[in-house]
Amino acid sequence: MLKMGRKLWRLLNRSRYLIKLIIGFRALKSASDIPKQQRARRALLQQFSDARGVTMKVGQLIAAAAAPDDELSVLTKSISPVPLKQILPAIEQALGCGWQQVFKSIDQSFAAASLGQVHHAVLLNGDEVAIKVQYPGIDEAISAEMSLLGLLPKAGPVKQWQFDLDAYRQALKDNMQAELDYRHEADTQSFFHKHLMLPGLVVPKVYADLTRQTLLVQSWEEGQYIESVAGWSQPAREKVAKTLLALLLKSLFQIRRLHADPHMGNSYYRFNAEQGVEIVLMDFGCSIELTEQQSLALLKLIIASKEKLPIAPLKYFQAMGFESQKLRHIEPYLPKLCEYLFQPFICTNKFALQQWMLAKNISELLAEQRWWFRSAGPAELIFVMRAFQGLAQQLLLVKADINWWQVLLESIPAELLNRARNFEPTDIAVTNDSGVLTLKAIARSLKVKVSHAGLTKVEVDLPAEAVLELEAFIPQDIQLKLKQTSDINLQNIQENVRRSGLAAQSVFDFEEGESRYQVWLE
């Protein structure tokens, strides 16, 4: 009975944080001017910082997607740590002895996070180390918060588009449970240290004999946060950008194990004359493993999008774990969707991330049906999306445009690239693909040609996506003539073209006297 009472108390205690967050988000949404918005955001920041646990994890996810100068960005680095005298008992309990039997000294913490905090220390043999110690009772707080998440209603898009909310809850729960065991984190970190060979990348050494479930000891590393990189030379910034992208690509396609917590506080950056640019990667608590089929299917879609291979994407998404029944609702759109998703790799030159209007393009292409794609993906893929989102934020902060395709070719062995090109999923049940649009069939550009008496007066080459905004660039006098003298309806045309997945086709061909107005997708 007493145990049940304590559990209920923990549940009520954690619920107050979540309730305050809901109130805070509502206040932010209803704020009518900038000062009110700033106050609401600062209040939210305080709630996230005080809560730690799952609640702070949510704050870090929001901060990772926010602008670099957003108030919430502090959550990606650290919050106020617990004083050393209050955390020493937890260190000694984990070690099973007094701390002086292992360490010469332990400094006050400089970095606190959602589940624990880090202290600089010196071992008896003189080695400088970082001690990561878990907050006492955080496992019980996590358990209470996960119970509360189970009470969330299935409403809105979750219900309408058949999101498997239980799978997302389970994925989050499994990930949080893994993060609570520092031995799991140490194993992952040691795996990266041994298998991820990437010049310029530093993975701290784990002291396995001193690591426990609630305590992790690793080599001490120093550096600066990523914001400082913006002041480096152009070659140094490009080196950082290429290393960050290569890190993600090698993780996805070579070792098939992904560091899935790329927020700004989990890496250091340094530069010196001898070693050049170095990136120190830390905090391996949140990681996922991909199957060989998932990895090859994703790489195949990237290569096919770049090289215009004549494949129908559905079965490769299915091989990644997507639900084919949901994707069939939007199957004609999948080739164009691939172009949007993998645009940085398709670009022939250095890609400026500011041009990657992914959400806008997908929304214009799919409208409400975009939820079919979002709900079709497996829950664990949210961590892959998180990794790509984190990379995009890091590259924006570094302020260096790079050639993504070139980095891919340099990072992934040719043998693996060829395996992906020839990859065909096994045990994937698909219907006859005849008539299904392929990556090769979709249009790359929108052509506009105006001629008079057989002579070309105007000829314009636009991105294929421009067809979704025909009314924006067709002159008003032409639009008026179309309405008055033909049965061409621009809105209907746009909708039909969108439903085709932007396949190569004639959009319309209008003649009036000796003038001719032609628009087509090629």
Protein backbone atom coordinates (compact mmCIF):
# COMPACT_ATOMS: atom_id res chain seq x y z
CA MET A 1 0.00 0.00 0.00
CA LEU A 2 2.83 2.36 0.93
CA LYS A 3 4.61 1.55 -2.35
CA MET A 4 1.44 2.30 -4.31
CA GLY A 5 1.10 5.60 -2.45
CA ARG A 6 4.66 6.62 -3.37
CA LYS A 7 4.03 5.74 -7.01
CA LEU A 8 0.84 7.83 -7.03
CA TRP A 9 2.71 10.74 -5.44
CA ARG A 10 5.46 10.58 -8.10
CA LEU A 11 2.79 10.51 -10.79
CA LEU A 12 1.02 13.56 -9.37
CA ASN A 13 4.31 15.36 -8.81
CA ARG A 14 5.47 14.89 -12.42
CA SER A 15 2.01 15.66 -13.79
CA ARG A 16 2.20 19.20 -12.42
CA TYR A 17 5.16 19.88 -14.71
CA LEU A 18 3.30 18.62 -17.74
CA ILE A 19 0.18 20.62 -16.81
CA LYS A 20 2.28 23.78 -16.40
CA LEU A 21 3.86 23.12 -19.81
CA ILE A 22 0.44 22.80 -21.45
CA ILE A 23 -0.60 26.11 -19.85
CA GLY A 24 2.69 27.65 -20.96
CA PHE A 25 2.26 26.56 -24.59
CA ARG A 26 -1.28 27.95 -24.59
CA ALA A 27 0.00 31.26 -23.21
CA LEU A 28 2.66 31.41 -25.91
CA LYS A 29 0.13 30.62 -28.63
CA SER A 30 -2.29 33.30 -27.43
CA ALA A 31 0.37 35.99 -26.83
CA SER A 32 -0.71 39.05 -28.82
CA ASP A 33 2.58 40.97 -28.97
CA ILE A 34 6.35 40.38 -28.88
CA PRO A 35 6.88 41.25 -25.18
CA LYS A 36 4.16 38.78 -24.15
CA GLN A 37 5.66 36.14 -26.41
CA GLN A 38 9.10 36.66 -24.87
CA ARG A 39 7.70 36.38 -21.35
CA ALA A 40 5.84 33.21 -22.29
CA ARG A 41 8.98 31.67 -23.81
CA ARG A 42 11.06 32.53 -20.73
CA ALA A 43 8.40 30.94 -18.53
CA LEU A 44 8.49 27.80 -20.69
CA LEU A 45 12.28 27.72 -20.44
CA GLN A 46 12.03 27.80 -16.66
CA GLN A 47 9.49 24.95 -16.68
CA PHE A 48 11.68 22.81 -18.93
CA SER A 49 14.79 23.48 -16.86
CA ASP A 50 13.11 22.70 -13.55
CA ALA A 51 11.50 19.49 -14.78
CA ARG A 52 14.47 17.57 -16.21
CA GLY A 53 13.57 14.01 -17.30
CA VAL A 54 11.22 13.44 -20.25
CA THR A 55 9.88 16.98 -19.97
CA MET A 56 13.31 18.51 -20.54
CA LYS A 57 13.92 16.04 -23.38
CA VAL A 58 10.83 17.49 -25.06
CA GLY A 59 12.28 20.96 -24.50
CA GLN A 60 15.56 19.95 -26.12
CA LEU A 61 13.72 18.57 -29.15
CA ILE A 62 11.87 21.88 -29.53
CA ALA A 63 15.07 23.84 -29.03
CA ALA A 64 16.88 21.75 -31.65
CA ALA A 65 14.30 22.85 -34.23
CA ALA A 66 14.24 26.48 -33.09
CA ALA A 67 16.35 29.38 -34.29
CA PRO A 68 19.91 29.41 -32.84
CA ASP A 69 19.20 32.65 -30.95
CA ASP A 70 15.97 31.36 -29.40
CA GLU A 71 15.73 31.50 -25.58
CA LEU A 72 15.18 27.74 -25.51
CA SER A 73 18.58 27.12 -27.13
CA VAL A 74 20.12 27.12 -23.63
CA LEU A 75 18.49 23.71 -23.14
CA THR A 76 20.77 22.27 -25.81
CA LYS A 77 23.83 23.07 -23.71
CA SER A 78 23.16 22.84 -20.01
CA ILE A 79 21.02 23.94 -17.09
CA SER A 80 21.90 24.73 -13.49
CA PRO A 81 23.74 21.71 -12.02
CA VAL A 82 23.22 20.14 -8.61
CA PRO A 83 26.00 21.20 -6.15
CA LEU A 84 28.83 18.69 -5.77
CA LYS A 85 28.16 18.01 -2.09
CA GLN A 86 24.64 16.88 -2.95
CA ILE A 87 25.75 14.58 -5.79
CA LEU A 88 28.78 12.97 -4.08
CA PRO A 89 26.64 10.36 -2.27
CA ALA A 90 25.29 9.20 -5.66
CA ILE A 91 28.86 8.88 -7.00
CA GLU A 92 29.99 6.89 -3.97
CA GLN A 93 26.91 4.66 -4.06
CA ALA A 94 27.61 3.80 -7.70
CA LEU A 95 31.32 3.12 -7.01
CA GLY A 96 30.64 1.17 -3.85
CA CYS A 97 33.38 3.07 -2.01
CA GLY A 98 34.46 6.54 -0.98
CA TRP A 99 35.23 8.79 -3.92
CA GLN A 100 38.78 9.49 -2.61
CA GLN A 101 39.64 5.83 -3.21
CA VAL A 102 39.28 6.42 -6.96
CA PHE A 103 39.76 10.14 -7.59
CA LYS A 104 42.32 12.72 -6.52
CA SER A 105 39.80 15.47 -7.04
CA ILE A 106 36.31 16.18 -8.37
CA ASP A 107 35.27 19.65 -9.48
CA GLN A 108 31.88 21.29 -9.33
CA SER A 109 29.74 20.45 -12.35
CA PHE A 110 29.71 22.82 -15.30
CA ALA A 111 27.20 20.91 -17.44
CA ALA A 112 23.82 19.60 -16.33
CA ALA A 113 21.31 17.87 -18.58
CA SER A 114 18.00 16.03 -18.47
CA LEU A 115 19.13 12.81 -16.77
CA GLY A 116 22.46 13.66 -15.15
CA GLN A 117 25.39 16.06 -14.98
CA VAL A 118 29.11 16.06 -15.76
CA HIS A 119 32.06 16.77 -13.46
CA HIS A 120 35.74 17.22 -14.28
CA ALA A 121 37.89 14.92 -12.14
CA VAL A 122 41.40 13.51 -11.83
CA LEU A 123 42.07 9.80 -11.21
CA LEU A 124 44.65 8.60 -8.71
CA ASN A 125 46.96 7.80 -11.65
CA GLY A 126 46.71 11.41 -12.87
CA ASP A 127 44.35 10.87 -15.79
CA GLU A 128 41.91 13.72 -16.37
CA VAL A 129 38.40 12.34 -16.76
CA ALA A 130 34.79 13.39 -17.07
CA ILE A 131 32.34 11.85 -14.59
CA LYS A 132 28.76 11.62 -15.78
CA VAL A 133 26.48 10.90 -12.84
CA GLN A 134 22.75 10.28 -12.92
CA TYR A 135 20.40 12.34 -10.76
CA PRO A 136 19.11 10.32 -7.79
CA GLY A 137 15.49 9.29 -8.38
CA ILE A 138 15.43 10.31 -12.04
CA ASP A 139 14.49 6.75 -13.05
CA GLU A 140 11.32 6.97 -10.95
CA ALA A 141 10.51 10.38 -12.43
CA ILE A 142 10.93 8.98 -15.95
CA SER A 143 8.65 6.04 -15.13
CA ALA A 144 5.96 8.42 -13.84
CA GLU A 145 6.18 10.65 -16.91
CA MET A 146 5.99 7.70 -19.29
CA SER A 147 2.81 6.63 -17.51
CA LEU A 148 1.38 10.09 -18.08
CA LEU A 149 2.24 9.93 -21.77
CA GLY A 150 0.09 6.80 -21.96
CA LEU A 151 -2.90 8.92 -20.98
CA LEU A 152 -2.59 11.26 -23.96
CA PRO A 153 -5.73 11.15 -26.13
CA LYS A 154 -5.70 9.98 -29.72
CA ALA A 155 -7.16 13.05 -31.40
CA GLY A 156 -6.65 15.31 -34.39
CA PRO A 157 -4.15 14.00 -37.00
CA VAL A 158 -3.24 11.13 -34.66
CA LYS A 159 -6.72 9.67 -35.04
CA GLN A 160 -7.63 10.88 -38.54
CA TRP A 161 -4.48 9.55 -40.20
CA GLN A 162 -4.12 6.44 -38.06
CA PHE A 163 -0.89 7.27 -36.26
CA ASP A 164 0.34 4.32 -34.24
CA LEU A 165 0.73 6.43 -31.12
CA ASP A 166 1.40 3.38 -28.97
CA ALA A 167 4.43 2.54 -31.13
CA TYR A 168 5.80 6.06 -30.68
CA ARG A 169 5.27 5.85 -26.92
CA GLN A 170 7.02 2.49 -26.83
CA ALA A 171 9.94 3.77 -28.92
CA LEU A 172 10.36 6.74 -26.59
CA LYS A 173 10.03 4.51 -23.53
CA ASP A 174 12.60 2.00 -24.82
CA ASN A 175 15.00 4.81 -25.68
CA MET A 176 14.62 6.46 -22.29
CA GLN A 177 15.16 3.15 -20.51
CA ALA A 178 18.37 2.63 -22.49
CA GLU A 179 19.54 6.15 -21.61
CA LEU A 180 19.02 5.41 -17.93
CA ASP A 181 21.63 2.64 -18.09
CA TYR A 182 25.04 4.25 -18.59
CA ARG A 183 26.54 0.83 -19.26
CA HIS A 184 24.52 0.72 -22.48
CA GLU A 185 25.79 4.20 -23.35
CA ALA A 186 29.37 3.13 -22.61
CA ASP A 187 29.04 0.11 -24.92
CA THR A 188 27.71 2.31 -27.73
CA GLN A 189 30.44 4.89 -27.19
CA SER A 190 33.13 2.20 -27.23
CA PHE A 191 31.63 0.81 -30.46
CA PHE A 192 31.87 4.24 -32.12
CA HIS A 193 35.39 4.72 -30.76
CA LYS A 194 36.48 1.43 -32.32
CA HIS A 195 34.54 1.27 -35.60
CA LEU A 196 33.91 4.82 -36.80
CA MET A 197 37.11 5.79 -38.53
CA LEU A 198 36.72 9.43 -39.54
CA PRO A 199 39.58 11.97 -39.65
CA GLY A 200 38.86 14.89 -37.37
CA LEU A 201 36.35 13.01 -35.20
CA VAL A 202 37.18 12.35 -31.54
CA VAL A 203 35.14 9.89 -29.46
CA PRO A 204 36.21 10.00 -25.78
CA LYS A 205 37.65 6.80 -24.32
CA VAL A 206 35.43 5.00 -21.82
CA TYR A 207 36.86 3.77 -18.50
CA ALA A 208 34.78 0.58 -18.44
CA ASP A 209 36.09 -0.59 -15.03
CA LEU A 210 34.66 2.55 -13.40
CA THR A 211 31.39 2.69 -15.31
CA ARG A 212 28.18 1.64 -13.60
CA GLN A 213 24.46 1.83 -14.39
CA THR A 214 24.28 5.37 -12.98
CA LEU A 215 27.90 6.45 -13.49
CA LEU A 216 30.04 6.83 -16.62
CA VAL A 217 33.71 7.77 -16.60
CA GLN A 218 35.44 8.81 -19.82
CA SER A 219 38.52 10.71 -20.96
CA TRP A 220 38.39 14.46 -20.46
CA GLU A 221 38.02 16.47 -23.65
CA GLU A 222 37.82 20.20 -24.15
CA GLY A 223 36.54 22.45 -26.89
CA GLN A 224 34.04 25.12 -27.78
CA TYR A 225 30.38 24.98 -28.70
CA ILE A 226 29.46 25.12 -32.37
CA GLU A 227 28.55 28.83 -32.35
CA SER A 228 32.25 29.66 -32.10
CA VAL A 229 32.94 27.92 -35.43
CA ALA A 230 31.18 30.73 -37.30
CA GLY A 231 34.24 32.91 -36.59
CA TRP A 232 36.73 30.43 -38.08
CA SER A 233 38.21 30.63 -41.57
CA GLN A 234 36.17 29.47 -44.55
CA PRO A 235 38.27 26.29 -45.12
CA ALA A 236 37.97 25.37 -41.43
CA ARG A 237 34.20 25.87 -41.44
CA GLU A 238 33.84 23.78 -44.58
CA LYS A 239 35.93 21.05 -42.94
CA VAL A 240 33.59 21.05 -39.93
CA ALA A 241 30.52 20.87 -42.19
CA LYS A 242 31.95 18.00 -44.24
CA THR A 243 32.94 16.07 -41.11
CA LEU A 244 29.47 16.46 -39.60
CA LEU A 245 27.81 15.21 -42.79
CA ALA A 246 30.32 12.36 -43.19
CA LEU A 247 29.65 11.36 -39.58
CA LEU A 248 25.93 10.98 -40.29
CA LEU A 249 26.47 9.15 -43.59
CA LYS A 250 29.00 6.68 -42.19
CA SER A 251 26.72 6.05 -39.21
CA LEU A 252 23.72 5.35 -41.42
CA PHE A 253 25.35 3.30 -44.14
CA GLN A 254 28.58 1.78 -42.83
CA ILE A 255 28.26 0.96 -39.14
CA ARG A 256 24.44 1.21 -39.20
CA ARG A 257 24.38 2.64 -35.70
CA LEU A 258 23.30 6.24 -35.26
CA HIS A 259 24.03 8.85 -32.61
CA ALA A 260 20.47 10.17 -32.41
CA ASP A 261 20.86 13.10 -30.02
CA PRO A 262 22.67 15.76 -32.05
CA HIS A 263 21.72 18.78 -29.95
CA MET A 264 24.28 21.56 -29.61
CA GLY A 265 25.53 20.57 -26.16
CA ASN A 266 26.66 17.11 -27.27
CA SER A 267 29.72 18.09 -29.28
CA TYR A 268 32.81 20.25 -28.89
CA TYR A 269 34.84 21.92 -31.64
CA ARG A 270 38.50 22.81 -31.62
CA PHE A 271 41.23 23.81 -34.04
CA ASN A 272 44.98 23.67 -33.72
CA ALA A 273 47.93 23.79 -36.11
CA GLU A 274 48.93 20.14 -35.59
CA GLN A 275 45.59 18.31 -35.64
CA GLY A 276 43.57 20.78 -37.67
CA VAL A 277 39.80 20.72 -37.17
CA GLU A 278 38.52 18.29 -34.55
CA ILE A 279 34.98 17.49 -33.44
CA VAL A 280 34.48 15.78 -30.07
CA LEU A 281 31.28 13.71 -30.06
CA MET A 282 29.72 13.04 -26.67
CA ASP A 283 26.63 11.61 -24.97
CA PHE A 284 25.80 8.34 -26.72
CA GLY A 285 22.79 7.55 -24.56
CA CYS A 286 20.32 8.03 -27.39
CA SER A 287 21.27 5.79 -30.30
CA ILE A 288 19.52 3.44 -32.71
CA GLU A 289 20.57 0.58 -34.94
CA LEU A 290 19.39 0.12 -38.52
CA THR A 291 18.99 -3.21 -40.23
CA GLU A 292 21.03 -3.82 -43.36
CA GLN A 293 17.83 -3.69 -45.42
CA GLN A 294 16.77 -0.34 -43.94
CA SER A 295 20.20 1.14 -44.55
CA LEU A 296 20.51 -0.09 -48.13
CA ALA A 297 16.95 0.97 -48.98
CA LEU A 298 17.60 4.53 -47.79
CA LEU A 299 20.90 4.72 -49.66
CA LYS A 300 19.24 3.32 -52.79
CA LEU A 301 16.58 6.07 -52.69
CA ILE A 302 19.26 8.76 -52.36
CA ILE A 303 21.31 7.36 -55.25
CA ALA A 304 18.25 6.81 -57.43
CA SER A 305 17.08 10.38 -56.82
CA LYS A 306 20.48 11.74 -57.78
CA GLU A 307 21.10 9.47 -60.79
CA LYS A 308 17.46 9.34 -61.97
CA LEU A 309 17.31 5.56 -61.82
CA PRO A 310 14.02 4.13 -63.15
CA ILE A 311 12.69 2.75 -59.86
CA ALA A 312 9.29 2.99 -58.16
CA PRO A 313 10.08 4.18 -54.61
CA LEU A 314 7.25 2.43 -52.74
CA LYS A 315 8.98 -0.89 -52.06
CA TYR A 316 12.13 0.84 -50.81
CA PHE A 317 10.13 2.90 -48.35
CA GLN A 318 8.44 -0.34 -47.36
CA ALA A 319 11.85 -1.95 -46.84
CA MET A 320 12.64 0.90 -44.45
CA GLY A 321 9.58 -0.02 -42.40
CA PHE A 322 6.88 2.24 -43.87
CA GLU A 323 3.33 0.90 -44.05
CA SER A 324 2.58 0.25 -47.72
CA GLN A 325 -1.19 0.55 -47.29
CA LYS A 326 -0.85 4.15 -46.18
CA LEU A 327 1.76 5.02 -48.80
CA ARG A 328 -0.49 3.71 -51.58
CA HIS A 329 -2.77 6.69 -50.94
CA ILE A 330 0.09 8.93 -52.14
CA GLU A 331 2.04 6.55 -54.38
CA PRO A 332 2.05 8.85 -57.45
CA TYR A 333 3.67 11.56 -55.33
CA LEU A 334 6.52 9.45 -53.96
CA PRO A 335 9.05 10.15 -56.76
CA LYS A 336 8.63 13.92 -56.37
CA LEU A 337 8.65 13.52 -52.61
CA CYS A 338 12.04 11.81 -52.91
CA GLU A 339 13.34 14.81 -54.84
CA TYR A 340 12.30 17.08 -51.99
CA LEU A 341 13.65 14.82 -49.26
CA PHE A 342 17.03 14.30 -50.92
CA GLN A 343 17.42 17.70 -52.58
CA PRO A 344 20.82 18.41 -50.93
CA PHE A 345 22.24 15.25 -52.55
CA ILE A 346 20.66 15.98 -55.95
CA CYS A 347 22.17 19.47 -56.15
CA THR A 348 25.21 19.43 -58.44
CA ASN A 349 27.02 22.17 -56.55
CA LYS A 350 27.39 23.30 -52.96
CA PHE A 351 23.95 23.27 -51.37
CA ALA A 352 22.64 26.26 -49.42
CA LEU A 353 20.40 24.90 -46.68
CA GLN A 354 18.32 28.06 -46.72
CA GLN A 355 16.98 26.82 -50.08
CA TRP A 356 15.72 23.55 -48.58
CA MET A 357 12.04 24.48 -48.20
CA LEU A 358 11.16 20.92 -47.31
CA ALA A 359 8.03 21.48 -45.25
CA LYS A 360 6.66 24.04 -47.72
CA ASN A 361 7.28 21.86 -50.77
CA ILE A 362 5.78 18.76 -49.18
CA SER A 363 2.75 20.73 -48.02
CA GLU A 364 2.15 22.13 -51.52
CA LEU A 365 2.61 18.73 -53.14
CA LEU A 366 0.56 16.60 -50.77
CA ALA A 367 -1.69 19.10 -48.96
CA GLU A 368 -3.53 17.24 -46.17
CA GLN A 369 -2.38 13.90 -47.54
CA ARG A 370 1.10 14.62 -46.21
CA TRP A 371 -0.18 13.00 -43.00
CA TRP A 372 -0.30 9.66 -44.80
CA PHE A 373 3.46 9.86 -45.24
CA ARG A 374 4.08 10.97 -41.67
CA SER A 375 1.88 8.30 -40.17
CA ALA A 376 3.25 5.53 -42.43
CA GLY A 377 6.80 5.71 -41.10
CA PRO A 378 7.96 3.38 -38.31
CA ALA A 379 8.21 4.99 -34.88
CA GLU A 380 11.98 4.43 -34.59
CA LEU A 381 12.52 6.51 -37.75
CA ILE A 382 11.77 9.62 -35.70
CA PHE A 383 15.33 9.33 -34.38
CA VAL A 384 16.74 9.31 -37.93
CA MET A 385 14.69 12.41 -38.71
CA ARG A 386 16.00 13.95 -35.51
CA ALA A 387 19.57 13.28 -36.62
CA PHE A 388 19.01 14.93 -40.02
CA GLN A 389 17.27 17.88 -38.36
CA GLY A 390 20.16 18.27 -35.95
CA LEU A 391 22.66 18.16 -38.82
CA ALA A 392 20.76 20.87 -40.69
CA GLN A 393 20.81 23.14 -37.62
CA GLN A 394 24.53 22.53 -37.12
CA LEU A 395 25.37 23.34 -40.75
CA LEU A 396 23.36 26.56 -40.56
CA LEU A 397 25.35 27.61 -37.50
CA VAL A 398 28.66 26.74 -39.16
CA LYS A 399 27.73 28.95 -42.15
CA ALA A 400 29.42 26.77 -44.75
CA ASP A 401 27.72 25.37 -47.85
CA ILE A 402 29.08 22.02 -49.04
CA ASN A 403 28.51 19.54 -51.86
CA TRP A 404 26.51 16.76 -50.18
CA TRP A 405 26.86 14.31 -53.06
CA GLN A 406 30.62 14.73 -53.17
CA VAL A 407 30.84 14.10 -49.42
CA LEU A 408 28.74 10.95 -49.90
CA LEU A 409 31.09 9.66 -52.61
CA GLU A 410 34.12 10.40 -50.43
CA SER A 411 32.65 8.91 -47.25
CA ILE A 412 31.03 5.68 -48.47
CA PRO A 413 33.13 2.95 -50.16
CA ALA A 414 32.41 2.37 -53.84
CA GLU A 415 31.57 -1.26 -53.14
CA LEU A 416 28.80 -0.24 -50.74
CA LEU A 417 27.45 2.33 -53.20
CA ASN A 418 27.25 -0.36 -55.89
CA ARG A 419 25.51 -2.72 -53.50
CA ALA A 420 22.90 -0.06 -52.86
CA ARG A 421 22.44 0.62 -56.59
CA ASN A 422 21.74 -3.08 -57.16
CA PHE A 423 19.75 -3.58 -53.98
CA GLU A 424 16.32 -5.20 -54.21
CA PRO A 425 14.34 -5.72 -50.98
CA THR A 426 13.56 -9.28 -49.92
CA ASP A 427 10.27 -10.42 -48.42
CA ILE A 428 8.53 -7.24 -49.56
CA ALA A 429 5.10 -7.89 -51.03
CA VAL A 430 4.29 -5.31 -53.72
CA THR A 431 1.73 -5.20 -56.46
CA ASN A 432 2.53 -4.81 -60.14
CA ASP A 433 4.42 -1.55 -60.55
CA SER A 434 3.28 -1.01 -64.13
CA GLY A 435 1.75 2.41 -64.47
CA VAL A 436 3.35 3.64 -61.25
CA LEU A 437 5.43 6.77 -61.63
CA THR A 438 9.17 6.26 -61.24
CA LEU A 439 11.95 8.62 -60.26
CA LYS A 440 12.97 8.84 -63.91
CA ALA A 441 9.46 9.84 -65.04
CA ILE A 442 8.96 12.91 -62.87
CA ALA A 443 9.53 16.36 -64.28
CA ARG A 444 12.62 18.36 -63.41
CA SER A 445 11.59 21.70 -64.88
CA LEU A 446 8.61 23.75 -65.99
CA LYS A 447 8.86 25.16 -69.53
CA VAL A 448 7.01 28.28 -70.63
CA LYS A 449 7.10 29.37 -74.26
CA VAL A 450 5.35 32.28 -75.93
CA SER A 451 5.46 32.57 -79.71
CA HIS A 452 3.92 34.80 -82.36
CA ALA A 453 3.60 33.96 -86.04
CA GLY A 454 5.86 30.95 -85.48
CA LEU A 455 8.65 33.01 -83.88
CA THR A 456 9.61 32.51 -80.25
CA LYS A 457 9.19 35.70 -78.24
CA VAL A 458 9.69 34.36 -74.69
CA GLU A 459 11.11 31.09 -73.42
CA VAL A 460 11.47 30.46 -69.67
CA ASP A 461 12.84 27.47 -67.75
CA LEU A 462 11.59 27.21 -64.15
CA PRO A 463 11.79 24.57 -61.40
CA ALA A 464 9.03 21.99 -61.78
CA GLU A 465 7.52 23.09 -58.45
CA ALA A 466 6.56 26.42 -60.02
CA VAL A 467 3.62 24.67 -61.70
CA LEU A 468 1.91 24.66 -58.30
CA GLU A 469 1.84 28.47 -58.47
CA LEU A 470 0.81 29.02 -62.09
CA GLU A 471 -1.33 32.03 -61.26
CA ALA A 472 1.64 33.77 -59.67
CA PHE A 473 3.70 34.09 -62.86
CA ILE A 474 1.19 33.93 -65.74
CA PRO A 475 0.34 37.54 -66.73
CA GLN A 476 -3.11 38.73 -65.73
CA ASP A 477 -4.09 39.53 -69.33
CA ILE A 478 -3.32 35.94 -70.35
CA GLN A 479 -5.30 34.60 -67.40
CA LEU A 480 -8.24 36.79 -68.43
CA LYS A 481 -8.08 35.52 -72.03
CA LEU A 482 -7.97 31.94 -70.80
CA LYS A 483 -11.15 32.49 -68.81
CA GLN A 484 -12.94 34.25 -71.63
CA THR A 485 -11.94 32.21 -74.68
CA SER A 486 -11.13 28.66 -73.51
CA ASP A 487 -12.14 25.93 -71.11
CA ILE A 488 -8.72 26.01 -69.43
CA ASN A 489 -9.04 26.37 -65.65
CA LEU A 490 -5.72 27.07 -63.96
CA GLN A 491 -6.85 25.86 -60.55
CA ASN A 492 -8.06 22.54 -61.98
CA ILE A 493 -4.83 22.18 -63.94
CA GLN A 494 -2.74 22.76 -60.82
CA GLU A 495 -4.71 20.17 -58.88
CA ASN A 496 -4.47 17.57 -61.67
CA VAL A 497 -0.74 18.14 -62.05
CA ARG A 498 -0.27 17.87 -58.29
CA ARG A 499 -2.23 14.59 -58.25
CA SER A 500 0.06 13.26 -60.97
CA GLY A 501 3.06 13.77 -58.69
CA LEU A 502 4.44 16.42 -61.07
CA ALA A 503 4.94 13.91 -63.87
CA ALA A 504 6.35 15.10 -67.19
CA GLN A 505 3.35 16.30 -69.25
CA SER A 506 1.76 19.14 -71.19
CA VAL A 507 0.16 21.57 -68.77
CA PHE A 508 -1.73 23.57 -71.37
CA ASP A 509 -1.34 24.82 -74.93
CA PHE A 510 -3.36 27.97 -75.71
CA GLU A 511 -3.63 29.68 -79.11
CA GLU A 512 -5.22 33.00 -79.97
CA GLY A 513 -4.80 34.26 -83.51
CA GLU A 514 -1.09 34.12 -84.36
CA SER A 515 -0.07 33.93 -80.68
CA ARG A 516 0.59 30.69 -78.86
CA TYR A 517 1.17 30.14 -75.14
CA GLN A 518 2.67 26.74 -74.18
CA VAL A 519 3.37 25.42 -70.70
CA TRP A 520 4.70 21.90 -70.04
CA LEU A 521 6.61 19.85 -67.50
CA GLU A 522 9.79 18.18 -68.73
